[in-house]
């Protein structure tokens, strides 16, 4: 659906095919030029007209698509729930798959990120992977939980505490550093080398992509404590923390304030945590 940003009135609505086996049907859509791109649980990636919502084309891939794609150098980069990344050429008369890469042995659910000509993928086997968008080759990969690795970045020994297969936190990239969460840590990693800059441990799962602004990193957690954190972007040192309930979604920063959606921590027996409130904090000290 598309809505007028000023009035909230519905501009258009497009119904795409149903997939009854999937609880979540689509990836987050992205806009590029006059097109909207989104993946689906029917194994297709769709291109819709931005003004009308009409389907221009679709390309079938090898599995469901839940991570948001990116557009780079005239190509749409898409990842699937079996760990395959695809590049679809957009500049010809018809879309064409120009490369296919096994980016992970596990599903990719987190949104893809582009930064300075490279592609970054966070996969559900707890690796952050840097891909070459020209041919899909892996530049480097780094484990996003404590482990011993070989010279290729493959794990030899690891001890995973917490988390689960629903992990799908996104990444945020700023000033040459990629920030992302895991079942227990927030990491800062150099985008050129994949080397860890710092890590910050929490007791819960980091579900949303951290927000980065004014030299600070903002993130919440779920499943552990109810703290929301602000840390220094360069060092990871704590600036402040506040008890603001569990945070599942990514926070956002705008005009000197950080916005986050929280959930109720103690639902009725047998129930699920409920959306609770929108919290707005000043960046210097949370109110």
C-alpha atoms as a PDB file:
ATOM      1  CA  UNK A   1       0.000   0.000   0.000  1.00  0.00           C
ATOM      2  CA  UNK A   2       1.064   3.573  -0.687  1.00  0.00           C
ATOM      3  CA  UNK A   3      -0.182   6.552   1.317  1.00  0.00           C
ATOM      4  CA  UNK A   4       0.045  10.297   0.841  1.00  0.00           C
ATOM      5  CA  UNK A   5       2.627  11.464   3.386  1.00  0.00           C
ATOM      6  CA  UNK A   6       0.768  14.718   4.127  1.00  0.00           C
ATOM      7  CA  UNK A   7      -2.815  13.523   4.496  1.00  0.00           C
ATOM      8  CA  UNK A   8      -2.428   9.789   5.136  1.00  0.00           C
ATOM      9  CA  UNK A   9      -4.932   8.987   2.390  1.00  0.00           C
ATOM     10  CA  UNK A  10      -4.503   5.755   0.443  1.00  0.00           C
ATOM     11  CA  UNK A  11      -2.883   6.312  -2.975  1.00  0.00           C
ATOM     12  CA  UNK A  12      -2.900   2.746  -4.253  1.00  0.00           C
ATOM     13  CA  UNK A  13      -3.095  -0.864  -3.078  1.00  0.00           C
ATOM     14  CA  UNK A  14      -1.674  -3.914  -4.824  1.00  0.00           C
ATOM     15  CA  UNK A  15      -2.528  -7.491  -3.846  1.00  0.00           C
ATOM     16  CA  UNK A  16       0.292  -9.952  -4.497  1.00  0.00           C
ATOM     17  CA  UNK A  17      -0.019 -13.774  -4.424  1.00  0.00           C
ATOM     18  CA  UNK A  18      -0.631 -15.448  -1.073  1.00  0.00           C
ATOM     19  CA  UNK A  19       1.681 -18.055   0.432  1.00  0.00           C
ATOM     20  CA  UNK A  20      -0.200 -19.850   3.212  1.00  0.00           C
ATOM     21  CA  UNK A  21       2.906 -21.654   4.521  1.00  0.00           C
ATOM     22  CA  UNK A  22       4.590 -18.382   5.463  1.00  0.00           C
ATOM     23  CA  UNK A  23       3.622 -16.298   8.502  1.00  0.00           C
ATOM     24  CA  UNK A  24       5.483 -13.250   7.169  1.00  0.00           C
ATOM     25  CA  UNK A  25       4.966 -12.727   3.465  1.00  0.00           C
ATOM     26  CA  UNK A  26       7.245  -9.928   2.262  1.00  0.00           C
ATOM     27  CA  UNK A  27      10.549  -8.205   2.831  1.00  0.00           C
ATOM     28  CA  UNK A  28      10.685  -4.501   3.572  1.00  0.00           C
ATOM     29  CA  UNK A  29      10.216  -2.718   0.216  1.00  0.00           C
ATOM     30  CA  UNK A  30      12.839  -0.341  -1.135  1.00  0.00           C
ATOM     31  CA  UNK A  31      12.393   2.531  -3.588  1.00  0.00           C
ATOM     32  CA  UNK A  32      14.809   3.204  -6.446  1.00  0.00           C
ATOM     33  CA  UNK A  33      13.893   5.627  -9.224  1.00  0.00           C
ATOM     34  CA  UNK A  34      10.302   4.960 -10.268  1.00  0.00           C
ATOM     35  CA  UNK A  35      10.350   1.410  -8.933  1.00  0.00           C
ATOM     36  CA  UNK A  36       9.601  -0.430  -5.704  1.00  0.00           C
ATOM     37  CA  UNK A  37      11.451  -3.700  -5.072  1.00  0.00           C
ATOM     38  CA  UNK A  38      10.444  -6.323  -2.516  1.00  0.00           C
ATOM     39  CA  UNK A  39      10.882 -10.019  -1.930  1.00  0.00           C
ATOM     40  CA  UNK A  40       8.152 -12.540  -1.170  1.00  0.00           C
ATOM     41  CA  UNK A  41       7.542 -15.935   0.399  1.00  0.00           C
ATOM     42  CA  UNK A  42       6.414 -17.216  -3.006  1.00  0.00           C
ATOM     43  CA  UNK A  43      10.147 -17.190  -3.932  1.00  0.00           C
ATOM     44  CA  UNK A  44       9.783 -14.187  -6.226  1.00  0.00           C
ATOM     45  CA  UNK A  45      11.315 -10.745  -6.060  1.00  0.00           C
ATOM     46  CA  UNK A  46       8.896  -8.140  -7.423  1.00  0.00           C
ATOM     47  CA  UNK A  47       9.266  -4.803  -9.167  1.00  0.00           C
ATOM     48  CA  UNK A  48       6.273  -2.472  -8.776  1.00  0.00           C
ATOM     49  CA  UNK A  49       5.579   0.889 -10.370  1.00  0.00           C
ATOM     50  CA  UNK A  50       6.062   3.595  -7.744  1.00  0.00           C
ATOM     51  CA  UNK A  51       3.101   5.724  -8.871  1.00  0.00           C
ATOM     52  CA  UNK A  52       0.508   3.054  -9.664  1.00  0.00           C
ATOM     53  CA  UNK A  53       1.596  -0.042  -7.744  1.00  0.00           C
ATOM     54  CA  UNK A  54       1.298  -2.150 -10.910  1.00  0.00           C
ATOM     55  CA  UNK A  55       3.617  -5.182 -11.096  1.00  0.00           C
ATOM     56  CA  UNK A  56       6.253  -4.552 -13.780  1.00  0.00           C
ATOM     57  CA  UNK A  57       8.028  -7.880 -13.439  1.00  0.00           C
ATOM     58  CA  UNK A  58       8.997 -10.678 -11.071  1.00  0.00           C
ATOM     59  CA  UNK A  59      11.976 -13.058 -10.917  1.00  0.00           C
ATOM     60  CA  UNK A  60      11.787 -16.459  -9.206  1.00  0.00           C
ATOM     61  CA  UNK A  61      14.671 -17.358  -6.848  1.00  0.00           C
ATOM     62  CA  UNK A  62      15.521 -20.488  -4.825  1.00  0.00           C
ATOM     63  CA  UNK A  63      13.593 -19.704  -1.624  1.00  0.00           C
ATOM     64  CA  UNK A  64      11.630 -17.128   0.379  1.00  0.00           C
ATOM     65  CA  UNK A  65      12.948 -13.569   0.516  1.00  0.00           C
ATOM     66  CA  UNK A  66      12.601 -11.787   3.858  1.00  0.00           C
ATOM     67  CA  UNK A  67      15.654  -9.522   3.923  1.00  0.00           C
ATOM     68  CA  UNK A  68      15.301  -6.152   2.243  1.00  0.00           C
ATOM     69  CA  UNK A  69      17.260  -5.978  -1.056  1.00  0.00           C
ATOM     70  CA  UNK A  70      19.576  -3.166  -2.166  1.00  0.00           C
ATOM     71  CA  UNK A  71      20.257  -1.495  -5.533  1.00  0.00           C
ATOM     72  CA  UNK A  72      23.932  -1.130  -6.494  1.00  0.00           C
ATOM     73  CA  UNK A  73      25.468  -0.147  -9.847  1.00  0.00           C
ATOM     74  CA  UNK A  74      22.346  -0.931 -11.853  1.00  0.00           C
ATOM     75  CA  UNK A  75      21.810  -4.271 -10.107  1.00  0.00           C
ATOM     76  CA  UNK A  76      19.252  -5.427  -7.537  1.00  0.00           C
ATOM     77  CA  UNK A  77      20.976  -7.554  -4.865  1.00  0.00           C
ATOM     78  CA  UNK A  78      18.640 -10.021  -3.127  1.00  0.00           C
ATOM     79  CA  UNK A  79      19.213 -12.738  -0.513  1.00  0.00           C
ATOM     80  CA  UNK A  80      17.032 -15.752   0.293  1.00  0.00           C
ATOM     81  CA  UNK A  81      16.176 -17.892   3.312  1.00  0.00           C
ATOM     82  CA  UNK A  82      18.619 -20.623   2.231  1.00  0.00           C
ATOM     83  CA  UNK A  83      21.600 -18.242   2.226  1.00  0.00           C
ATOM     84  CA  UNK A  84      21.844 -17.491  -1.504  1.00  0.00           C
ATOM     85  CA  UNK A  85      22.574 -13.976  -2.761  1.00  0.00           C
ATOM     86  CA  UNK A  86      21.547 -12.935  -6.287  1.00  0.00           C
ATOM     87  CA  UNK A  87      22.362  -9.966  -8.498  1.00  0.00           C
ATOM     88  CA  UNK A  88      19.655  -9.000 -10.995  1.00  0.00           C
ATOM     89  CA  UNK A  89      20.664  -6.626 -13.796  1.00  0.00           C
ATOM     90  CA  UNK A  90      18.189  -3.747 -14.086  1.00  0.00           C
ATOM     91  CA  UNK A  91      19.598  -1.793 -17.030  1.00  0.00           C
ATOM     92  CA  UNK A  92      18.446  -4.098 -19.857  1.00  0.00           C
ATOM     93  CA  UNK A  93      14.996  -4.477 -21.371  1.00  0.00           C
ATOM     94  CA  UNK A  94      14.304  -7.465 -19.132  1.00  0.00           C
ATOM     95  CA  UNK A  95      15.687  -8.257 -15.653  1.00  0.00           C
ATOM     96  CA  UNK A  96      18.459 -10.851 -15.761  1.00  0.00           C
ATOM     97  CA  UNK A  97      20.292 -12.767 -13.028  1.00  0.00           C
ATOM     98  CA  UNK A  98      23.987 -11.988 -13.594  1.00  0.00           C
ATOM     99  CA  UNK A  99      25.466 -13.802 -10.604  1.00  0.00           C
ATOM    100  CA  UNK A 100      24.472 -16.144  -7.790  1.00  0.00           C
ATOM    101  CA  UNK A 101      26.524 -16.657  -4.633  1.00  0.00           C
ATOM    102  CA  UNK A 102      26.277 -18.977  -1.638  1.00  0.00           C
ATOM    103  CA  UNK A 103      26.769 -16.239   0.935  1.00  0.00           C
ATOM    104  CA  UNK A 104      25.816 -18.473   3.874  1.00  0.00           C
ATOM    105  CA  UNK A 105      24.941 -22.065   4.742  1.00  0.00           C
ATOM    106  CA  UNK A 106      22.026 -20.672   6.795  1.00  0.00           C
ATOM    107  CA  UNK A 107      19.095 -18.392   6.114  1.00  0.00           C
ATOM    108  CA  UNK A 108      19.492 -14.657   5.550  1.00  0.00           C
ATOM    109  CA  UNK A 109      16.712 -12.664   7.237  1.00  0.00           C
ATOM    110  CA  UNK A 110      18.398  -9.355   8.105  1.00  0.00           C
ATOM    111  CA  UNK A 111      18.198  -6.480   5.627  1.00  0.00           C
ATOM    112  CA  UNK A 112      21.161  -6.165   3.248  1.00  0.00           C
ATOM    113  CA  UNK A 113      23.382  -3.077   3.477  1.00  0.00           C
ATOM    114  CA  UNK A 114      25.540  -1.222   0.948  1.00  0.00           C
ATOM    115  CA  UNK A 115      28.488   0.988   1.903  1.00  0.00           C
ATOM    116  CA  UNK A 116      31.208   2.491  -0.306  1.00  0.00           C
ATOM    117  CA  UNK A 117      30.691  -0.053  -3.064  1.00  0.00           C
ATOM    118  CA  UNK A 118      30.609  -3.173  -0.877  1.00  0.00           C
ATOM    119  CA  UNK A 119      27.694  -5.333   0.256  1.00  0.00           C
ATOM    120  CA  UNK A 120      27.184  -6.549   3.834  1.00  0.00           C
ATOM    121  CA  UNK A 121      25.105  -9.556   4.848  1.00  0.00           C
ATOM    122  CA  UNK A 122      24.211 -10.656   8.385  1.00  0.00           C
ATOM    123  CA  UNK A 123      23.174 -14.320   8.320  1.00  0.00           C
ATOM    124  CA  UNK A 124      21.382 -16.568  10.804  1.00  0.00           C
ATOM    125  CA  UNK A 125      24.505 -18.692  11.390  1.00  0.00           C
ATOM    126  CA  UNK A 126      25.866 -15.611  13.198  1.00  0.00           C
ATOM    127  CA  UNK A 127      28.327 -14.391  10.577  1.00  0.00           C
ATOM    128  CA  UNK A 128      28.723 -10.929   9.120  1.00  0.00           C
ATOM    129  CA  UNK A 129      29.811 -11.305   5.485  1.00  0.00           C
ATOM    130  CA  UNK A 130      31.267  -8.713   3.105  1.00  0.00           C
ATOM    131  CA  UNK A 131      30.440  -9.501  -0.540  1.00  0.00           C
ATOM    132  CA  UNK A 132      31.827  -8.102  -3.770  1.00  0.00           C
ATOM    133  CA  UNK A 133      28.719  -6.780  -5.599  1.00  0.00           C
ATOM    134  CA  UNK A 134      30.406  -7.217  -8.989  1.00  0.00           C
ATOM    135  CA  UNK A 135      30.639 -11.016  -8.837  1.00  0.00           C
ATOM    136  CA  UNK A 136      29.269 -12.131  -5.444  1.00  0.00           C
ATOM    137  CA  UNK A 137      32.626 -13.334  -4.108  1.00  0.00           C
ATOM    138  CA  UNK A 138      33.181 -13.162  -0.346  1.00  0.00           C
ATOM    139  CA  UNK A 139      35.680 -10.474   0.693  1.00  0.00           C
ATOM    140  CA  UNK A 140      35.681 -11.487   4.356  1.00  0.00           C
ATOM    141  CA  UNK A 141      33.435 -12.853   7.058  1.00  0.00           C
ATOM    142  CA  UNK A 142      33.546 -12.550  10.817  1.00  0.00           C
ATOM    143  CA  UNK A 143      31.784 -14.501  13.556  1.00  0.00           C
ATOM    144  CA  UNK A 144      29.334 -12.402  15.559  1.00  0.00           C
ATOM    145  CA  UNK A 145      29.711 -14.367  18.752  1.00  0.00           C
ATOM    146  CA  UNK A 146      32.738 -15.540  20.719  1.00  0.00           C
ATOM    147  CA  UNK A 147      34.622 -18.265  18.816  1.00  0.00           C
ATOM    148  CA  UNK A 148      37.988 -19.507  17.597  1.00  0.00           C
ATOM    149  CA  UNK A 149      38.363 -19.242  13.812  1.00  0.00           C
ATOM    150  CA  UNK A 150      40.845 -20.405  11.174  1.00  0.00           C
ATOM    151  CA  UNK A 151      42.663 -18.189   8.656  1.00  0.00           C
ATOM    152  CA  UNK A 152      39.547 -18.110   6.438  1.00  0.00           C
ATOM    153  CA  UNK A 153      37.229 -16.950   9.205  1.00  0.00           C
ATOM    154  CA  UNK A 154      35.570 -20.350   9.649  1.00  0.00           C
ATOM    155  CA  UNK A 155      34.740 -21.373  13.203  1.00  0.00           C
ATOM    156  CA  UNK A 156      36.777 -24.099  14.862  1.00  0.00           C
ATOM    157  CA  UNK A 157      35.261 -23.832  18.343  1.00  0.00           C
ATOM    158  CA  UNK A 158      32.407 -21.699  19.635  1.00  0.00           C
ATOM    159  CA  UNK A 159      30.218 -21.264  22.689  1.00  0.00           C
ATOM    160  CA  UNK A 160      26.830 -19.745  21.899  1.00  0.00           C
ATOM    161  CA  UNK A 161      24.670 -18.529  24.760  1.00  0.00           C
ATOM    162  CA  UNK A 162      21.085 -17.465  24.123  1.00  0.00           C
ATOM    163  CA  UNK A 163      19.517 -16.475  20.839  1.00  0.00           C
ATOM    164  CA  UNK A 164      17.775 -18.738  18.371  1.00  0.00           C
ATOM    165  CA  UNK A 165      16.806 -19.246  14.727  1.00  0.00           C
ATOM    166  CA  UNK A 166      14.617 -16.129  14.750  1.00  0.00           C
ATOM    167  CA  UNK A 167      17.702 -13.904  14.930  1.00  0.00           C
ATOM    168  CA  UNK A 168      17.578 -11.343  12.126  1.00  0.00           C
ATOM    169  CA  UNK A 169      19.101  -8.095  13.364  1.00  0.00           C
ATOM    170  CA  UNK A 170      20.114  -5.631  10.662  1.00  0.00           C
ATOM    171  CA  UNK A 171      23.309  -3.614  10.375  1.00  0.00           C
ATOM    172  CA  UNK A 172      24.076   0.108  10.386  1.00  0.00           C
ATOM    173  CA  UNK A 173      27.214   1.484   8.714  1.00  0.00           C
ATOM    174  CA  UNK A 174      28.761   4.879   9.457  1.00  0.00           C
ATOM    175  CA  UNK A 175      32.269   6.345   9.087  1.00  0.00           C
ATOM    176  CA  UNK A 176      33.838   3.062   7.976  1.00  0.00           C
ATOM    177  CA  UNK A 177      32.403   1.015  10.858  1.00  0.00           C
ATOM    178  CA  UNK A 178      29.562  -1.506  10.672  1.00  0.00           C
ATOM    179  CA  UNK A 179      27.432  -1.838  13.826  1.00  0.00           C
ATOM    180  CA  UNK A 180      25.243  -4.882  14.403  1.00  0.00           C
ATOM    181  CA  UNK A 181      23.711  -6.989  17.136  1.00  0.00           C
ATOM    182  CA  UNK A 182      23.828 -10.660  18.047  1.00  0.00           C
ATOM    183  CA  UNK A 183      22.055 -12.801  20.651  1.00  0.00           C
ATOM    184  CA  UNK A 184      24.177 -11.164  23.375  1.00  0.00           C
ATOM    185  CA  UNK A 185      26.498  -8.475  21.983  1.00  0.00           C
ATOM    186  CA  UNK A 186      26.544  -5.324  19.905  1.00  0.00           C
ATOM    187  CA  UNK A 187      29.654  -5.284  17.713  1.00  0.00           C
ATOM    188  CA  UNK A 188      31.570  -2.584  15.871  1.00  0.00           C
ATOM    189  CA  UNK A 189      33.622  -3.986  12.969  1.00  0.00           C
ATOM    190  CA  UNK A 190      35.934  -2.292  10.448  1.00  0.00           C
ATOM    191  CA  UNK A 191      34.289  -2.513   7.020  1.00  0.00           C
ATOM    192  CA  UNK A 192      37.579  -2.892   5.159  1.00  0.00           C
ATOM    193  CA  UNK A 193      39.061  -5.763   7.164  1.00  0.00           C
ATOM    194  CA  UNK A 194      36.209  -7.325   9.146  1.00  0.00           C
ATOM    195  CA  UNK A 195      38.242  -6.873  12.330  1.00  0.00           C
ATOM    196  CA  UNK A 196      36.471  -6.150  15.594  1.00  0.00           C
ATOM    197  CA  UNK A 197      36.793  -2.573  16.883  1.00  0.00           C
ATOM    198  CA  UNK A 198      34.780  -3.095  20.074  1.00  0.00           C
ATOM    199  CA  UNK A 199      31.905  -5.106  21.523  1.00  0.00           C
ATOM    200  CA  UNK A 200      29.297  -4.338  24.173  1.00  0.00           C
ATOM    201  CA  UNK A 201      27.570  -7.141  26.058  1.00  0.00           C
ATOM    202  CA  UNK A 202      23.909  -7.154  27.062  1.00  0.00           C
ATOM    203  CA  UNK A 203      21.832  -9.886  28.690  1.00  0.00           C
ATOM    204  CA  UNK A 204      19.332 -10.123  25.839  1.00  0.00           C
ATOM    205  CA  UNK A 205      18.930 -10.376  22.085  1.00  0.00           C
ATOM    206  CA  UNK A 206      19.609  -7.356  19.867  1.00  0.00           C
ATOM    207  CA  UNK A 207      16.726  -7.595  17.386  1.00  0.00           C
ATOM    208  CA  UNK A 208      16.867  -4.263  15.562  1.00  0.00           C
ATOM    209  CA  UNK A 209      19.696  -2.503  13.788  1.00  0.00           C
ATOM    210  CA  UNK A 210      21.476   0.002  16.073  1.00  0.00           C
ATOM    211  CA  UNK A 211      20.957   3.679  15.317  1.00  0.00           C
ATOM    212  CA  UNK A 212      24.084   5.839  14.864  1.00  0.00           C
ATOM    213  CA  UNK A 213      24.124   9.632  15.197  1.00  0.00           C
ATOM    214  CA  UNK A 214      26.321  12.377  16.645  1.00  0.00           C
ATOM    215  CA  UNK A 215      29.142   9.941  17.433  1.00  0.00           C
ATOM    216  CA  UNK A 216      26.865   7.673  19.482  1.00  0.00           C
ATOM    217  CA  UNK A 217      25.210   4.275  19.010  1.00  0.00           C
ATOM    218  CA  UNK A 218      21.689   3.571  20.316  1.00  0.00           C
ATOM    219  CA  UNK A 219      20.173   0.118  20.821  1.00  0.00           C
ATOM    220  CA  UNK A 220      17.705  -1.824  22.939  1.00  0.00           C
ATOM    221  CA  UNK A 221      17.265  -5.523  23.660  1.00  0.00           C
ATOM    222  CA  UNK A 222      14.632  -8.153  24.339  1.00  0.00           C
ATOM    223  CA  UNK A 223      14.693 -11.259  26.490  1.00  0.00           C
ATOM    224  CA  UNK A 224      17.166  -9.862  29.040  1.00  0.00           C
ATOM    225  CA  UNK A 225      16.931  -6.665  31.031  1.00  0.00           C
ATOM    226  CA  UNK A 226      14.752  -3.712  30.009  1.00  0.00           C
ATOM    227  CA  UNK A 227      17.648  -1.291  29.458  1.00  0.00           C
ATOM    228  CA  UNK A 228      18.042   0.904  26.395  1.00  0.00           C
ATOM    229  CA  UNK A 229      21.676   1.918  25.765  1.00  0.00           C
ATOM    230  CA  UNK A 230      23.662   4.809  24.361  1.00  0.00           C
ATOM    231  CA  UNK A 231      27.388   4.122  23.805  1.00  0.00           C
ATOM    232  CA  UNK A 232      30.300   5.962  22.219  1.00  0.00           C
ATOM    233  CA  UNK A 233      30.587   5.040  18.513  1.00  0.00           C
ATOM    234  CA  UNK A 234      34.404   4.891  18.505  1.00  0.00           C
ATOM    235  CA  UNK A 235      35.089   3.109  21.786  1.00  0.00           C
ATOM    236  CA  UNK A 236      31.850   1.375  22.794  1.00  0.00           C
ATOM    237  CA  UNK A 237      32.033   2.958  26.250  1.00  0.00           C
ATOM    238  CA  UNK A 238      28.701   3.547  27.981  1.00  0.00           C
ATOM    239  CA  UNK A 239      27.243   7.058  27.734  1.00  0.00           C
ATOM    240  CA  UNK A 240      23.930   6.262  29.465  1.00  0.00           C
ATOM    241  CA  UNK A 241      21.323   3.542  29.907  1.00  0.00           C
ATOM    242  CA  UNK A 242      17.658   3.747  30.866  1.00  0.00           C
ATOM    243  CA  UNK A 243      15.007   1.114  31.767  1.00  0.00           C
ATOM    244  CA  UNK A 244      12.589   1.513  28.845  1.00  0.00           C
ATOM    245  CA  UNK A 245      11.147  -2.021  28.481  1.00  0.00           C
ATOM    246  CA  UNK A 246      12.031  -4.496  25.729  1.00  0.00           C
ATOM    247  CA  UNK A 247      12.882  -3.049  22.308  1.00  0.00           C
ATOM    248  CA  UNK A 248      12.319  -5.295  19.281  1.00  0.00           C
ATOM    249  CA  UNK A 249      12.426  -2.808  16.408  1.00  0.00           C
ATOM    250  CA  UNK A 250      15.266  -0.562  15.241  1.00  0.00           C
ATOM    251  CA  UNK A 251      15.409   2.856  16.922  1.00  0.00           C
ATOM    252  CA  UNK A 252      15.634   6.028  14.844  1.00  0.00           C
ATOM    253  CA  UNK A 253      17.290   9.415  15.435  1.00  0.00           C
ATOM    254  CA  UNK A 254      15.812  12.672  14.160  1.00  0.00           C
ATOM    255  CA  UNK A 255      16.347  16.317  15.169  1.00  0.00           C
ATOM    256  CA  UNK A 256      18.177  15.608  18.414  1.00  0.00           C
ATOM    257  CA  UNK A 257      15.801  12.895  19.617  1.00  0.00           C
ATOM    258  CA  UNK A 258      15.894   9.100  19.523  1.00  0.00           C
ATOM    259  CA  UNK A 259      12.627   7.251  18.875  1.00  0.00           C
ATOM    260  CA  UNK A 260      11.993   3.622  19.798  1.00  0.00           C
ATOM    261  CA  UNK A 261       8.966   1.323  20.074  1.00  0.00           C
ATOM    262  CA  UNK A 262       8.699  -0.730  23.278  1.00  0.00           C
ATOM    263  CA  UNK A 263       6.658  -3.796  24.308  1.00  0.00           C
ATOM    264  CA  UNK A 264       4.916  -4.844  27.513  1.00  0.00           C
ATOM    265  CA  UNK A 265       7.231  -7.065  29.549  1.00  0.00           C
ATOM    266  CA  UNK A 266       4.662  -9.119  31.488  1.00  0.00           C
ATOM    267  CA  UNK A 267       1.866 -10.325  29.192  1.00  0.00           C
ATOM    268  CA  UNK A 268      -0.986 -12.504  30.511  1.00  0.00           C
ATOM    269  CA  UNK A 269      -0.257 -16.220  30.898  1.00  0.00           C
ATOM    270  CA  UNK A 270       0.066 -17.832  27.484  1.00  0.00           C
ATOM    271  CA  UNK A 271       0.047 -14.492  25.688  1.00  0.00           C
ATOM    272  CA  UNK A 272       2.645 -12.608  23.675  1.00  0.00           C
ATOM    273  CA  UNK A 273       4.288  -9.297  24.649  1.00  0.00           C
ATOM    274  CA  UNK A 274       2.103  -6.461  23.368  1.00  0.00           C
ATOM    275  CA  UNK A 275       3.084  -3.205  21.677  1.00  0.00           C
ATOM    276  CA  UNK A 276       3.144  -0.738  24.519  1.00  0.00           C
ATOM    277  CA  UNK A 277       4.262   2.760  23.671  1.00  0.00           C
ATOM    278  CA  UNK A 278       6.459   4.998  21.599  1.00  0.00           C
ATOM    279  CA  UNK A 279       9.304   6.453  23.651  1.00  0.00           C
ATOM    280  CA  UNK A 280      11.091   9.662  22.682  1.00  0.00           C
ATOM    281  CA  UNK A 281      14.385  10.639  24.322  1.00  0.00           C
ATOM    282  CA  UNK A 282      16.683  13.611  23.997  1.00  0.00           C
ATOM    283  CA  UNK A 283      20.101  12.485  22.812  1.00  0.00           C
ATOM    284  CA  UNK A 284      22.068  14.022  25.645  1.00  0.00           C
ATOM    285  CA  UNK A 285      20.083  12.463  28.499  1.00  0.00           C
ATOM    286  CA  UNK A 286      17.073  10.214  28.184  1.00  0.00           C
ATOM    287  CA  UNK A 287      13.980  11.718  29.880  1.00  0.00           C
END
